[in-house]
Amino acid sequence: MSSDGPPWLAYDADGEIWFGGVPDRLLGHPEIRRRGINLTDALKPGVVFRAALDSPAFVVKVIDLDTEELPIYERLLSDIRSDLNHTVPSEIYRDGHPLLIMPYLNNLTSLLIKEGCTLDRLLDIFYQLVEGVEYLHDLRIAHLDICYGNVVTALPQDVPFHPEVAPRRVYLIDFNTSKRLTLGPGAQPAITLPPTQTPPPHGLKHFDPYSWDMYCLGRLFQDVMKVRHRN
């Protein structure tokens, strides 16, 4: 494990870990202060923090150097203008421990409720997700943790604050367990799955990583349909 973490933990006045808090090293971080980002709480304790009340609002992620997330983001952000690339436009701050600074966007429920759960909207969401996963696979990158919580979207009201995002565009996030692979789809052998939010069927642990992404994508489609039927 990298000696500089994450996790970067916050502590309360009694010295106990405050899982929802922001650590002093981020509150006083020169780049966070220079940008005027007011981090308020943790989305993922010790790792992901947000400034949800600011306009524009941001998310700051402490990149784990023991994973492949940094080189994967470097590759994806180098081609951020591609219409096929569904990565959130972000910046990597490299002076000291790398930080990922990105717009604070919405979950899919916001898009489905505020924009309407029409058939056209659903088909557009599904198309964008397939397009984004296909783009990753063409680069021999497997996400490995595609799920409802790892998809965000920009609403029209976000664009004036974050002109780098597109309204109603769907983005994949969280490449913490993702892998760069030697071989492409159809040639890559099975790997041992990392921890994933989607339970593997029948307790299986080894999958073709590209096929696993597609399985998770199908489960994600089911979750989107459930949200539509509830609303």
Protein backbone atom coordinates (compact mmCIF):
# COMPACT_ATOMS: atom_id res chain seq x y z
CA MET A 1 0.00 0.00 0.00
CA SER A 2 1.23 3.49 -0.83
CA SER A 3 2.55 5.19 2.32
CA ASP A 4 0.59 8.34 1.46
CA GLY A 5 -2.75 6.58 1.28
CA PRO A 6 -5.64 6.84 0.74
CA PRO A 7 -7.50 6.77 3.00
CA TRP A 8 -7.05 10.37 4.10
CA LEU A 9 -9.15 10.36 7.25
CA ALA A 10 -10.79 13.15 9.21
CA TYR A 11 -10.96 13.14 13.02
CA ASP A 12 -13.38 14.75 15.45
CA ALA A 13 -12.51 16.78 18.56
CA ASP A 14 -12.12 13.56 20.58
CA GLY A 15 -9.63 12.08 18.13
CA GLU A 16 -12.13 9.58 16.75
CA ILE A 17 -12.37 8.92 13.02
CA TRP A 18 -15.07 11.10 11.45
CA PHE A 19 -16.10 9.11 8.41
CA GLY A 20 -18.25 11.87 6.95
CA GLY A 21 -15.67 14.59 7.42
CA VAL A 22 -12.95 16.18 5.30
CA PRO A 23 -9.34 15.80 6.54
CA ASP A 24 -7.33 18.88 7.42
CA ARG A 25 -4.75 18.04 4.75
CA LEU A 26 -7.43 18.58 2.11
CA LEU A 27 -9.08 21.57 3.78
CA GLY A 28 -5.68 23.27 3.86
CA HIS A 29 -4.41 21.88 0.56
CA PRO A 30 -2.88 24.76 -1.46
CA GLU A 31 -4.55 23.76 -4.74
CA ILE A 32 -7.97 23.27 -3.15
CA ARG A 33 -7.68 26.65 -1.46
CA ARG A 34 -6.39 28.32 -4.64
CA ARG A 35 -9.46 27.12 -6.54
CA GLY A 36 -11.80 28.21 -3.77
CA ILE A 37 -13.25 24.71 -3.43
CA ASN A 38 -15.15 24.41 -0.13
CA LEU A 39 -15.17 20.69 0.63
CA THR A 40 -18.00 19.86 3.00
CA ASP A 41 -18.27 16.09 3.39
CA ALA A 42 -17.13 12.68 2.21
CA LEU A 43 -18.87 10.71 -0.51
CA LYS A 44 -16.52 7.79 0.13
CA PRO A 45 -14.79 8.16 3.51
CA GLY A 46 -11.08 8.84 3.19
CA VAL A 47 -11.15 8.83 -0.60
CA VAL A 48 -13.83 10.98 -2.29
CA PHE A 49 -14.98 14.38 -1.03
CA ARG A 50 -17.40 16.97 -2.36
CA ALA A 51 -18.13 20.65 -2.35
CA ALA A 52 -21.83 20.22 -3.06
CA LEU A 53 -23.03 23.66 -1.99
CA ASP A 54 -20.69 25.70 -4.16
CA SER A 55 -21.41 26.93 -7.67
CA PRO A 56 -19.62 25.40 -9.41
CA ALA A 57 -19.59 22.29 -7.22
CA PHE A 58 -16.69 19.84 -7.36
CA VAL A 59 -15.63 16.38 -6.30
CA VAL A 60 -12.05 15.67 -5.21
CA LYS A 61 -10.73 12.11 -5.20
CA VAL A 62 -7.49 11.00 -3.58
CA ILE A 63 -6.05 8.59 -6.15
CA ASP A 64 -4.82 5.25 -4.86
CA LEU A 65 -1.40 4.69 -6.45
CA ASP A 66 -1.64 0.97 -5.69
CA THR A 67 -4.31 0.69 -8.38
CA GLU A 68 -4.31 1.41 -12.12
CA GLU A 69 -6.67 4.36 -11.77
CA LEU A 70 -4.06 7.05 -12.42
CA PRO A 71 -2.74 5.66 -15.75
CA ILE A 72 -6.28 4.82 -16.83
CA TYR A 73 -7.47 8.37 -16.19
CA GLU A 74 -4.39 9.72 -17.93
CA ARG A 75 -5.28 7.71 -21.03
CA LEU A 76 -8.97 8.57 -20.96
CA LEU A 77 -8.47 12.28 -20.31
CA SER A 78 -5.94 12.51 -23.15
CA ASP A 79 -8.84 11.85 -25.55
CA ILE A 80 -11.59 13.62 -23.64
CA ARG A 81 -12.95 15.36 -26.75
CA SER A 82 -13.91 12.08 -28.40
CA ASP A 83 -17.68 11.73 -28.79
CA LEU A 84 -17.30 8.08 -27.76
CA ASN A 85 -15.52 8.86 -24.49
CA HIS A 86 -17.93 8.93 -21.54
CA THR A 87 -15.37 9.94 -18.91
CA VAL A 88 -16.18 12.99 -16.78
CA PRO A 89 -13.95 15.88 -17.94
CA SER A 90 -11.54 16.16 -15.02
CA GLU A 91 -8.10 17.41 -14.01
CA ILE A 92 -5.29 15.50 -12.34
CA TYR A 93 -3.36 17.62 -9.84
CA ARG A 94 0.14 16.16 -9.73
CA ASP A 95 2.12 18.32 -7.29
CA GLY A 96 2.46 15.94 -4.34
CA HIS A 97 0.00 13.08 -4.05
CA PRO A 98 -2.21 13.01 -7.18
CA LEU A 99 -5.75 14.32 -6.80
CA LEU A 100 -8.56 13.99 -9.31
CA ILE A 101 -10.69 17.15 -9.47
CA MET A 102 -13.97 16.84 -11.34
CA PRO A 103 -17.41 18.48 -11.58
CA TYR A 104 -20.00 17.34 -9.07
CA LEU A 105 -22.71 15.80 -11.23
CA ASN A 106 -26.02 14.00 -10.69
CA ASN A 107 -27.06 10.38 -10.48
CA LEU A 108 -29.25 8.82 -13.16
CA THR A 109 -32.37 9.21 -11.03
CA SER A 110 -32.11 12.98 -11.39
CA LEU A 111 -32.13 12.68 -15.17
CA LEU A 112 -35.00 10.19 -15.23
CA ILE A 113 -37.19 12.25 -12.89
CA LYS A 114 -36.41 15.81 -13.98
CA GLU A 115 -36.17 15.07 -17.69
CA GLY A 116 -38.90 12.44 -17.80
CA CYS A 117 -38.80 8.65 -18.06
CA THR A 118 -39.80 8.54 -21.72
CA LEU A 119 -38.86 5.65 -23.99
CA ASP A 120 -36.60 7.97 -25.98
CA ARG A 121 -34.80 8.98 -22.78
CA LEU A 122 -34.27 5.37 -21.76
CA LEU A 123 -32.96 4.36 -25.17
CA ASP A 124 -30.59 7.32 -25.18
CA ILE A 125 -29.23 6.36 -21.75
CA PHE A 126 -28.75 2.75 -22.82
CA TYR A 127 -27.06 3.79 -26.06
CA GLN A 128 -24.65 6.13 -24.26
CA LEU A 129 -23.72 3.47 -21.72
CA VAL A 130 -23.01 0.86 -24.40
CA GLU A 131 -21.01 3.44 -26.34
CA GLY A 132 -18.93 4.32 -23.28
CA VAL A 133 -18.19 0.69 -22.41
CA GLU A 134 -17.31 -0.13 -26.02
CA TYR A 135 -14.88 2.80 -26.02
CA LEU A 136 -13.16 1.43 -22.92
CA HIS A 137 -12.96 -2.05 -24.39
CA ASP A 138 -11.46 -0.73 -27.63
CA LEU A 139 -8.66 0.67 -25.43
CA ARG A 140 -8.34 -2.72 -23.68
CA ILE A 141 -9.64 -1.27 -20.43
CA ALA A 142 -12.18 -3.18 -18.36
CA HIS A 143 -14.13 -1.10 -15.85
CA LEU A 144 -15.07 -4.12 -13.69
CA ASP A 145 -17.48 -2.25 -11.40
CA ILE A 146 -20.22 -0.89 -13.66
CA CYS A 147 -23.31 -0.21 -11.55
CA TYR A 148 -25.98 2.40 -10.93
CA GLY A 149 -23.82 4.25 -8.41
CA ASN A 150 -20.90 4.54 -10.85
CA VAL A 151 -22.85 6.45 -13.48
CA VAL A 152 -23.49 10.20 -13.34
CA THR A 153 -25.06 12.70 -15.69
CA ALA A 154 -25.09 16.42 -16.35
CA LEU A 155 -28.39 18.28 -16.27
CA PRO A 156 -28.89 21.44 -18.33
CA GLN A 157 -28.56 23.62 -15.21
CA ASP A 158 -25.06 22.19 -14.58
CA VAL A 159 -23.63 23.42 -17.88
CA PRO A 160 -23.33 27.16 -17.05
CA PHE A 161 -21.15 26.22 -14.06
CA HIS A 162 -19.26 23.40 -15.82
CA PRO A 163 -19.16 24.21 -19.55
CA GLU A 164 -16.89 21.22 -20.13
CA VAL A 165 -19.82 18.81 -19.61
CA ALA A 166 -22.73 18.24 -21.98
CA PRO A 167 -26.39 18.34 -20.92
CA ARG A 168 -28.00 14.91 -20.56
CA ARG A 169 -24.71 13.17 -21.27
CA VAL A 170 -24.05 10.01 -19.26
CA TYR A 171 -20.61 9.46 -17.70
CA LEU A 172 -18.87 6.46 -16.15
CA ILE A 173 -16.91 7.07 -12.95
CA ASP A 174 -14.73 5.23 -10.42
CA PHE A 175 -11.90 3.34 -12.11
CA ASN A 176 -10.39 2.28 -8.79
CA THR A 177 -10.66 -1.45 -9.57
CA SER A 178 -10.40 -1.16 -13.36
CA LYS A 179 -7.68 -2.97 -15.32
CA ARG A 180 -5.61 -2.36 -18.44
CA LEU A 181 -5.47 -5.65 -20.27
CA THR A 182 -2.96 -7.18 -22.65
CA LEU A 183 -5.54 -8.64 -25.02
CA GLY A 184 -8.78 -7.33 -26.43
CA PRO A 185 -12.33 -8.70 -26.33
CA GLY A 186 -12.57 -12.26 -27.56
CA ALA A 187 -8.92 -13.02 -26.81
CA GLN A 188 -8.47 -12.05 -23.15
CA PRO A 189 -8.66 -15.04 -20.75
CA ALA A 190 -10.57 -14.94 -17.49
CA ILE A 191 -9.27 -12.99 -14.51
CA THR A 192 -10.09 -13.05 -10.82
CA LEU A 193 -12.69 -10.38 -10.22
CA PRO A 194 -11.84 -7.53 -7.84
CA PRO A 195 -14.44 -6.49 -5.26
CA THR A 196 -17.54 -5.41 -7.16
CA GLN A 197 -20.89 -3.88 -6.24
CA THR A 198 -22.73 -6.27 -8.56
CA PRO A 199 -22.84 -9.78 -7.03
CA PRO A 200 -21.35 -12.38 -9.42
CA PRO A 201 -23.85 -15.07 -10.43
CA HIS A 202 -23.65 -18.37 -8.56
CA GLY A 203 -20.73 -17.03 -6.48
CA LEU A 204 -18.30 -17.30 -9.40
CA LYS A 205 -14.98 -15.45 -9.05
CA HIS A 206 -13.35 -15.80 -12.49
CA PHE A 207 -14.68 -14.09 -15.60
CA ASP A 208 -13.64 -12.78 -18.96
CA PRO A 209 -13.31 -9.13 -17.82
CA TYR A 210 -15.02 -7.73 -20.92
CA SER A 211 -17.92 -10.16 -20.54
CA TRP A 212 -18.19 -9.22 -16.87
CA ASP A 213 -18.58 -5.56 -17.86
CA MET A 214 -21.40 -6.51 -20.22
CA TYR A 215 -23.09 -8.61 -17.53
CA CYS A 216 -22.92 -5.64 -15.14
CA LEU A 217 -24.23 -3.37 -17.88
CA GLY A 218 -27.27 -5.59 -18.27
CA ARG A 219 -27.89 -5.48 -14.52
CA LEU A 220 -27.55 -1.69 -14.68
CA PHE A 221 -30.23 -1.58 -17.38
CA GLN A 222 -32.50 -3.53 -15.06
CA ASP A 223 -31.89 -1.01 -12.28
CA VAL A 224 -32.71 1.88 -14.61
CA MET A 225 -35.99 0.21 -15.55
CA LYS A 226 -36.85 -0.27 -11.87
CA VAL A 227 -36.34 3.46 -11.26
CA ARG A 228 -38.57 4.23 -14.22
CA HIS A 229 -41.38 2.02 -12.96
CA ARG A 230 -41.19 3.57 -9.47
CA ASN A 231 -41.55 7.05 -10.93
